[in-house]
């Protein structure tokens, strides 16, 4: 899965996701949403993030 897919699915800029992944920023709410979104993707469920989209 690309970072572009994740950013789109979460309604976040790719740069924000990248900085979060690399530990350059801390955002506990976004991290929790990101974890849940990834879990949902593995289960084949629809994204749960507000403003998310399905390509």
Protein backbone atom coordinates (compact mmCIF):
# COMPACT_ATOMS: atom_id res chain seq x y z
CA UNK A 1 0.00 0.00 0.00
CA UNK A 2 1.37 3.39 -0.92
CA UNK A 3 1.55 6.40 1.34
CA UNK A 4 -0.65 8.18 -1.21
CA UNK A 5 -3.38 5.56 -0.65
CA UNK A 6 -3.09 5.99 3.10
CA UNK A 7 -3.17 9.78 2.88
CA UNK A 8 -6.23 9.68 0.67
CA UNK A 9 -7.97 7.13 2.84
CA UNK A 10 -7.39 9.20 5.95
CA UNK A 11 -8.03 12.57 4.32
CA UNK A 12 -4.51 13.74 5.23
CA UNK A 13 -1.63 15.19 3.25
CA UNK A 14 0.98 12.59 2.33
CA UNK A 15 3.63 14.72 4.04
CA UNK A 16 1.75 14.51 7.36
CA UNK A 17 1.53 10.71 7.12
CA UNK A 18 5.22 10.52 6.24
CA UNK A 19 6.25 12.72 9.17
CA UNK A 20 4.05 10.69 11.53
CA UNK A 21 5.55 7.40 10.33
CA UNK A 22 9.10 8.72 10.73
CA UNK A 23 8.42 10.06 14.22
CA UNK A 24 8.96 13.69 13.26
CA UNK A 25 5.55 14.65 14.62
CA UNK A 26 3.36 13.21 17.33
CA UNK A 27 -0.38 13.04 16.86
CA UNK A 28 -1.92 10.32 19.01
CA UNK A 29 -5.39 10.72 17.52
CA UNK A 30 -4.13 10.43 13.96
CA UNK A 31 -1.90 7.48 14.88
CA UNK A 32 -4.88 5.65 16.41
CA UNK A 33 -7.03 6.43 13.36
CA UNK A 34 -4.21 5.26 11.08
CA UNK A 35 -3.87 1.96 12.99
CA UNK A 36 -7.62 1.35 12.86
CA UNK A 37 -7.75 2.23 9.16
CA UNK A 38 -4.94 -0.23 8.39
CA UNK A 39 -6.69 -2.94 10.42
CA UNK A 40 -9.91 -2.30 8.52
CA UNK A 41 -8.04 -2.57 5.21
CA UNK A 42 -6.63 -5.95 6.22
CA UNK A 43 -10.13 -7.14 7.12
CA UNK A 44 -11.49 -5.83 3.81
CA UNK A 45 -13.78 -3.35 5.53
CA UNK A 46 -14.57 0.15 4.37
CA UNK A 47 -12.32 2.92 5.73
CA UNK A 48 -13.53 4.41 9.00
CA UNK A 49 -11.81 7.78 8.95
CA UNK A 50 -14.00 10.87 8.52
CA UNK A 51 -13.76 12.19 5.00
CA UNK A 52 -12.22 8.97 3.73
CA UNK A 53 -12.78 7.73 0.22
CA UNK A 54 -12.67 4.41 -1.58
CA UNK A 55 -10.78 4.47 -4.89
